[in-house]
Amino acid sequence: MRTQTHFLLRLYTDEAALLGDQSVVHLLMDRARQAGLLGATVHRAQSGFGHGAHLHRGGLVDRNSPIIVEIVDVEPKVRDFWDDIADLHGIGLATLEKVEVLRGAREQE
């Protein structure tokens, strides 16, 4: 089986994060698609906190769930994407790790 090494960029934000009147999550997804990245997925979490220890949780009244955006592609494309978005407000923790893609859209073409 042929595999390729890719990188996973994981971005932490929350539902309430906005840049102007646009959701940070939607902006990240739009930019990832425009950059032609292999894939991106948004996960909504039940609760979480970051360096400030402020607890984010989704509920009926307070809809500010933590959001994780995962983006996968080869290292140069992921690093270029990060360089383009690194200064955006509303992104908290960002992590990068090496992953092995077992099956992906480019491998099937």
N, C-alpha and C. Protein backbone atom coordinates (compact mmCIF):
# COMPACT_ATOMS: atom_id res chain seq x y z
N MET A 1 0.84 -1.17 0.00
CA MET A 1 0.00 0.00 0.00
C MET A 1 0.88 1.24 0.00
N ARG A 2 0.61 2.18 -0.90
CA ARG A 2 1.37 3.42 -0.99
C ARG A 2 0.81 4.45 -0.02
N THR A 3 1.68 5.04 0.75
CA THR A 3 1.25 6.09 1.68
C THR A 3 2.13 7.32 1.48
N GLN A 4 1.63 8.46 1.90
CA GLN A 4 2.39 9.69 1.83
C GLN A 4 2.34 10.37 3.18
N THR A 5 3.41 11.04 3.51
CA THR A 5 3.45 11.79 4.76
C THR A 5 2.91 13.19 4.53
N HIS A 6 1.96 13.56 5.34
CA HIS A 6 1.35 14.88 5.29
C HIS A 6 1.46 15.50 6.67
N PHE A 7 0.93 16.71 6.79
CA PHE A 7 0.90 17.40 8.08
C PHE A 7 -0.52 17.80 8.41
N LEU A 8 -0.82 17.75 9.70
CA LEU A 8 -2.13 18.12 10.23
C LEU A 8 -1.97 19.41 11.02
N LEU A 9 -2.64 20.45 10.56
CA LEU A 9 -2.69 21.73 11.27
C LEU A 9 -4.00 21.74 12.03
N ARG A 10 -3.91 21.89 13.34
CA ARG A 10 -5.11 21.91 14.19
C ARG A 10 -5.21 23.30 14.81
N LEU A 11 -6.35 23.96 14.56
CA LEU A 11 -6.58 25.32 15.03
C LEU A 11 -7.74 25.32 16.02
N TYR A 12 -7.53 25.97 17.15
CA TYR A 12 -8.55 26.04 18.19
C TYR A 12 -9.15 27.44 18.21
N THR A 13 -10.47 27.52 18.22
CA THR A 13 -11.18 28.78 18.28
C THR A 13 -12.51 28.51 18.98
N ASP A 14 -13.47 29.39 18.81
CA ASP A 14 -14.80 29.14 19.36
C ASP A 14 -15.85 29.75 18.45
N GLU A 15 -17.11 29.37 18.69
CA GLU A 15 -18.20 29.81 17.82
C GLU A 15 -18.35 31.32 17.78
N ALA A 16 -18.03 31.99 18.87
CA ALA A 16 -18.24 33.43 18.97
C ALA A 16 -17.12 34.25 18.32
N ALA A 17 -16.04 33.61 17.89
CA ALA A 17 -14.91 34.33 17.30
C ALA A 17 -15.31 34.92 15.95
N LEU A 18 -15.17 36.23 15.84
CA LEU A 18 -15.54 36.93 14.62
C LEU A 18 -14.40 37.82 14.15
N LEU A 19 -14.30 37.98 12.85
CA LEU A 19 -13.45 39.00 12.23
C LEU A 19 -14.40 39.90 11.46
N GLY A 20 -14.65 41.07 12.01
CA GLY A 20 -15.70 41.91 11.45
C GLY A 20 -17.03 41.23 11.69
N ASP A 21 -17.77 40.99 10.63
CA ASP A 21 -19.05 40.29 10.78
C ASP A 21 -18.98 38.85 10.29
N GLN A 22 -17.77 38.33 10.04
CA GLN A 22 -17.61 36.97 9.54
C GLN A 22 -17.05 36.05 10.62
N SER A 23 -17.61 34.87 10.70
CA SER A 23 -17.15 33.85 11.63
C SER A 23 -15.72 33.43 11.27
N VAL A 24 -14.86 33.32 12.28
CA VAL A 24 -13.48 32.86 12.06
C VAL A 24 -13.49 31.47 11.44
N VAL A 25 -14.39 30.62 11.89
CA VAL A 25 -14.47 29.25 11.35
C VAL A 25 -14.77 29.27 9.86
N HIS A 26 -15.77 30.06 9.44
CA HIS A 26 -16.11 30.12 8.02
C HIS A 26 -14.97 30.73 7.21
N LEU A 27 -14.32 31.73 7.77
CA LEU A 27 -13.19 32.35 7.09
C LEU A 27 -12.05 31.34 6.88
N LEU A 28 -11.74 30.56 7.92
CA LEU A 28 -10.69 29.54 7.80
C LEU A 28 -11.04 28.50 6.74
N MET A 29 -12.29 28.05 6.75
CA MET A 29 -12.70 27.04 5.76
C MET A 29 -12.64 27.61 4.34
N ASP A 30 -13.10 28.84 4.16
CA ASP A 30 -13.05 29.46 2.83
C ASP A 30 -11.61 29.60 2.35
N ARG A 31 -10.74 30.05 3.24
CA ARG A 31 -9.33 30.23 2.85
C ARG A 31 -8.64 28.90 2.57
N ALA A 32 -8.96 27.87 3.33
CA ALA A 32 -8.37 26.55 3.09
C ALA A 32 -8.81 26.01 1.73
N ARG A 33 -10.08 26.20 1.41
CA ARG A 33 -10.58 25.73 0.10
C ARG A 33 -9.94 26.52 -1.03
N GLN A 34 -9.84 27.84 -0.87
CA GLN A 34 -9.21 28.68 -1.89
C GLN A 34 -7.74 28.32 -2.08
N ALA A 35 -7.08 27.88 -1.01
CA ALA A 35 -5.66 27.49 -1.09
C ALA A 35 -5.49 26.12 -1.74
N GLY A 36 -6.60 25.42 -1.99
CA GLY A 36 -6.53 24.11 -2.64
C GLY A 36 -5.97 23.02 -1.74
N LEU A 37 -6.18 23.16 -0.43
CA LEU A 37 -5.66 22.16 0.50
C LEU A 37 -6.43 20.85 0.37
N LEU A 38 -5.76 19.78 0.73
CA LEU A 38 -6.32 18.43 0.57
C LEU A 38 -7.62 18.25 1.33
N GLY A 39 -7.70 18.76 2.55
CA GLY A 39 -8.93 18.59 3.31
C GLY A 39 -8.96 19.43 4.56
N ALA A 40 -10.17 19.74 5.00
CA ALA A 40 -10.37 20.49 6.25
C ALA A 40 -11.67 20.03 6.87
N THR A 41 -11.68 19.94 8.19
CA THR A 41 -12.86 19.50 8.93
C THR A 41 -13.01 20.37 10.16
N VAL A 42 -14.26 20.69 10.49
CA VAL A 42 -14.56 21.47 11.69
C VAL A 42 -15.24 20.55 12.70
N HIS A 43 -14.75 20.60 13.93
CA HIS A 43 -15.33 19.82 15.03
C HIS A 43 -15.84 20.79 16.09
N ARG A 44 -17.06 20.56 16.57
CA ARG A 44 -17.60 21.36 17.67
C ARG A 44 -17.46 20.53 18.94
N ALA A 45 -16.86 21.11 19.96
CA ALA A 45 -16.65 20.41 21.23
C ALA A 45 -17.73 20.83 22.24
N GLN A 46 -17.90 20.02 23.27
CA GLN A 46 -18.87 20.34 24.31
C GLN A 46 -18.34 21.40 25.26
N SER A 47 -17.06 21.31 25.58
CA SER A 47 -16.46 22.31 26.46
C SER A 47 -14.95 22.29 26.31
N GLY A 48 -14.31 23.35 26.78
CA GLY A 48 -12.86 23.42 26.73
C GLY A 48 -12.38 24.73 27.31
N PHE A 49 -11.09 24.82 27.59
CA PHE A 49 -10.50 26.06 28.06
C PHE A 49 -9.08 26.15 27.55
N GLY A 50 -8.58 27.38 27.50
CA GLY A 50 -7.23 27.62 27.03
C GLY A 50 -6.39 28.23 28.12
N HIS A 51 -5.37 28.98 27.71
CA HIS A 51 -4.40 29.54 28.65
C HIS A 51 -5.04 30.48 29.68
N GLY A 52 -6.15 31.11 29.33
CA GLY A 52 -6.81 32.01 30.27
C GLY A 52 -7.71 31.30 31.25
N ALA A 53 -7.88 30.01 31.10
CA ALA A 53 -8.71 29.17 31.96
C ALA A 53 -10.19 29.52 31.89
N HIS A 54 -10.60 30.38 30.94
CA HIS A 54 -12.02 30.66 30.76
C HIS A 54 -12.67 29.44 30.12
N LEU A 55 -13.68 28.90 30.76
CA LEU A 55 -14.35 27.70 30.27
C LEU A 55 -15.35 28.06 29.18
N HIS A 56 -15.16 27.49 28.01
CA HIS A 56 -16.09 27.66 26.89
C HIS A 56 -16.95 26.40 26.85
N ARG A 57 -18.24 26.61 26.77
CA ARG A 57 -19.13 25.45 26.65
C ARG A 57 -20.36 25.84 25.86
N GLY A 58 -20.85 24.90 25.13
CA GLY A 58 -22.06 25.13 24.35
C GLY A 58 -23.27 24.74 25.18
N GLY A 59 -24.23 25.59 25.20
CA GLY A 59 -25.45 25.31 25.93
C GLY A 59 -26.63 25.93 25.22
N LEU A 60 -27.78 25.83 25.85
CA LEU A 60 -28.98 26.39 25.23
C LEU A 60 -28.95 27.91 25.22
N VAL A 61 -28.41 28.51 26.27
CA VAL A 61 -28.37 29.96 26.36
C VAL A 61 -27.08 30.51 25.76
N ASP A 62 -25.96 29.96 26.17
CA ASP A 62 -24.64 30.44 25.73
C ASP A 62 -24.13 29.55 24.61
N ARG A 63 -24.29 29.98 23.36
CA ARG A 63 -23.78 29.19 22.23
C ARG A 63 -22.39 29.65 21.88
N ASN A 64 -21.42 29.26 22.70
CA ASN A 64 -20.03 29.58 22.41
C ASN A 64 -19.20 28.32 22.57
N SER A 65 -19.55 27.31 21.81
CA SER A 65 -18.82 26.05 21.88
C SER A 65 -17.41 26.21 21.36
N PRO A 66 -16.47 25.47 21.96
CA PRO A 66 -15.13 25.42 21.40
C PRO A 66 -15.17 24.76 20.02
N ILE A 67 -14.35 25.24 19.12
CA ILE A 67 -14.29 24.71 17.75
C ILE A 67 -12.85 24.32 17.45
N ILE A 68 -12.69 23.17 16.81
CA ILE A 68 -11.38 22.73 16.34
C ILE A 68 -11.47 22.59 14.82
N VAL A 69 -10.56 23.24 14.12
CA VAL A 69 -10.48 23.13 12.66
C VAL A 69 -9.22 22.32 12.36
N GLU A 70 -9.39 21.21 11.64
CA GLU A 70 -8.25 20.37 11.25
C GLU A 70 -8.05 20.47 9.75
N ILE A 71 -6.81 20.71 9.35
CA ILE A 71 -6.46 20.88 7.95
C ILE A 71 -5.29 19.96 7.63
N VAL A 72 -5.39 19.22 6.53
CA VAL A 72 -4.37 18.25 6.15
C VAL A 72 -3.87 18.52 4.74
N ASP A 73 -2.56 18.48 4.58
CA ASP A 73 -1.94 18.53 3.25
C ASP A 73 -0.45 18.29 3.45
N VAL A 74 0.31 18.41 2.37
CA VAL A 74 1.76 18.23 2.46
C VAL A 74 2.35 19.43 3.21
N GLU A 75 3.51 19.23 3.80
CA GLU A 75 4.09 20.24 4.69
C GLU A 75 4.20 21.64 4.09
N PRO A 76 4.73 21.81 2.88
CA PRO A 76 4.87 23.18 2.36
C PRO A 76 3.53 23.91 2.23
N LYS A 77 2.49 23.20 1.80
CA LYS A 77 1.18 23.84 1.64
C LYS A 77 0.57 24.21 2.99
N VAL A 78 0.74 23.34 3.97
CA VAL A 78 0.20 23.63 5.30
C VAL A 78 0.94 24.80 5.93
N ARG A 79 2.26 24.80 5.81
CA ARG A 79 3.03 25.91 6.39
C ARG A 79 2.74 27.23 5.68
N ASP A 80 2.57 27.21 4.36
CA ASP A 80 2.20 28.43 3.63
C ASP A 80 0.83 28.93 4.09
N PHE A 81 -0.10 28.00 4.28
CA PHE A 81 -1.43 28.38 4.75
C PHE A 81 -1.33 29.02 6.13
N TRP A 82 -0.55 28.40 7.03
CA TRP A 82 -0.39 28.97 8.36
C TRP A 82 0.20 30.38 8.28
N ASP A 83 1.20 30.58 7.43
CA ASP A 83 1.79 31.91 7.28
C ASP A 83 0.73 32.94 6.86
N ASP A 84 -0.24 32.52 6.05
CA ASP A 84 -1.29 33.42 5.58
C ASP A 84 -2.32 33.76 6.65
N ILE A 85 -2.52 32.87 7.62
CA ILE A 85 -3.57 33.09 8.62
C ILE A 85 -3.05 33.35 10.03
N ALA A 86 -1.76 33.25 10.25
CA ALA A 86 -1.19 33.31 11.61
C ALA A 86 -1.55 34.58 12.37
N ASP A 87 -1.76 35.68 11.66
CA ASP A 87 -2.05 36.93 12.35
C ASP A 87 -3.54 37.20 12.55
N LEU A 88 -4.39 36.26 12.17
CA LEU A 88 -5.83 36.45 12.36
C LEU A 88 -6.20 36.38 13.83
N HIS A 89 -6.98 37.33 14.29
CA HIS A 89 -7.48 37.30 15.66
C HIS A 89 -8.60 36.27 15.74
N GLY A 90 -8.71 35.62 16.86
CA GLY A 90 -9.77 34.63 17.04
C GLY A 90 -9.27 33.21 16.98
N ILE A 91 -8.00 33.04 16.59
CA ILE A 91 -7.40 31.71 16.62
C ILE A 91 -6.60 31.61 17.91
N GLY A 92 -6.86 30.57 18.68
CA GLY A 92 -6.12 30.37 19.92
C GLY A 92 -4.91 29.49 19.64
N LEU A 93 -4.89 28.35 20.26
CA LEU A 93 -3.81 27.39 20.08
C LEU A 93 -3.79 26.88 18.64
N ALA A 94 -2.60 26.70 18.11
CA ALA A 94 -2.43 26.08 16.79
C ALA A 94 -1.34 25.03 16.94
N THR A 95 -1.61 23.81 16.46
CA THR A 95 -0.61 22.75 16.53
C THR A 95 -0.38 22.18 15.15
N LEU A 96 0.80 21.59 14.98
CA LEU A 96 1.17 20.98 13.70
C LEU A 96 1.82 19.64 14.00
N GLU A 97 1.35 18.61 13.31
CA GLU A 97 1.94 17.29 13.52
C GLU A 97 2.00 16.53 12.21
N LYS A 98 2.97 15.65 12.13
CA LYS A 98 3.15 14.81 10.97
C LYS A 98 2.12 13.68 11.03
N VAL A 99 1.45 13.42 9.91
CA VAL A 99 0.48 12.32 9.82
C VAL A 99 0.74 11.53 8.55
N GLU A 100 0.28 10.33 8.54
CA GLU A 100 0.39 9.49 7.36
C GLU A 100 -0.99 9.31 6.76
N VAL A 101 -1.17 9.77 5.52
CA VAL A 101 -2.44 9.65 4.84
C VAL A 101 -2.49 8.29 4.16
N LEU A 102 -3.48 7.51 4.52
CA LEU A 102 -3.62 6.18 3.93
C LEU A 102 -4.46 6.22 2.66
N ARG A 103 -5.39 7.13 2.62
CA ARG A 103 -6.21 7.30 1.42
C ARG A 103 -6.66 8.74 1.37
N GLY A 104 -6.54 9.36 0.23
CA GLY A 104 -6.95 10.74 0.09
C GLY A 104 -7.39 10.99 -1.34
N ALA A 105 -8.02 12.12 -1.56
CA ALA A 105 -8.57 12.46 -2.87
C ALA A 105 -7.50 12.45 -3.96
N ARG A 106 -6.32 12.99 -3.66
CA ARG A 106 -5.28 13.05 -4.69
C ARG A 106 -4.77 11.67 -5.07
N GLU A 107 -4.75 10.76 -4.10
CA GLU A 107 -4.26 9.41 -4.38
C GLU A 107 -5.25 8.62 -5.24
N GLN A 108 -6.54 9.00 -5.20
CA GLN A 108 -7.56 8.27 -5.93
C GLN A 108 -7.73 8.78 -7.37
N GLU A 109 -7.19 9.97 -7.67
CA GLU A 109 -7.36 10.54 -9.01
C GLU A 109 -6.51 9.85 -10.03
